[in-house]
């Protein structure tokens, strides 16, 4: 029987997950940033600490350092954890690779790690991810990355959409997945503009990221799997990422 579960997870949690494949969601913002970087042709490596990010970047020629810890970008880094910052301009002929660190999402992904098949998804590629996983796995766990112990609204909505997409493929929702799908099935993405995470972006002058996230829904057909510290594309190759 094909089943899908939904849960949230603290970044420090290293407990095993009972599933064949795991999808991690961190809409605001790390998985949106990673999906955007990759869809722009960049390599994207995920770090679990500031020290590891520096080591990864040192081994990767011309790498960008992007991210935050507690909402603060480390001194000397190129960007915060921003999907808009990952967009390439006309002069960016050779997309620079990026090493990404966040307070929650990148740590959750890395702490799940191998040998599980761990995927990163956002509202940009949730449907493509569901379509890809549905024909390859029987037990799929969708995990929202907690912030300060909270399963955030935007991640619940994305988890619900991905779970619903799998249900349409014949999967059975179990446990919290049933409640999450029912709660969010008719909720518009625009409602996320009033969430705690959205207010943080607005109050900190990062409205452009919020607008980008709300405007880019299922516009990426690529699917991204963790291999070592790097997310790699296992399907697809077209996207529309303009602001």
Foldseek 3Di string as FASTA:
>chain_A
DFAEEEEADELVDLDADPFQAEEEEDVLPQLVQVVLLVLQVAWEFEDQDPVVLVVVCVVFPPEAEEADAPPHDPPPGDYYSFNVVSHDDPVPPDRHHYYYYYNWRSSNQVSNPPPHWYWYDYQQALLLQLVVVLVPTRYYYYYYTDDPNDRWPRSLLSLLVSNVSSVVSVHHYDDVNVVSVVVRVPPQLVVCCPTPSNVVCVVVVNNVRVVQSNVRGNFFNWIWTDDNRITDTPDGRHGDRDD
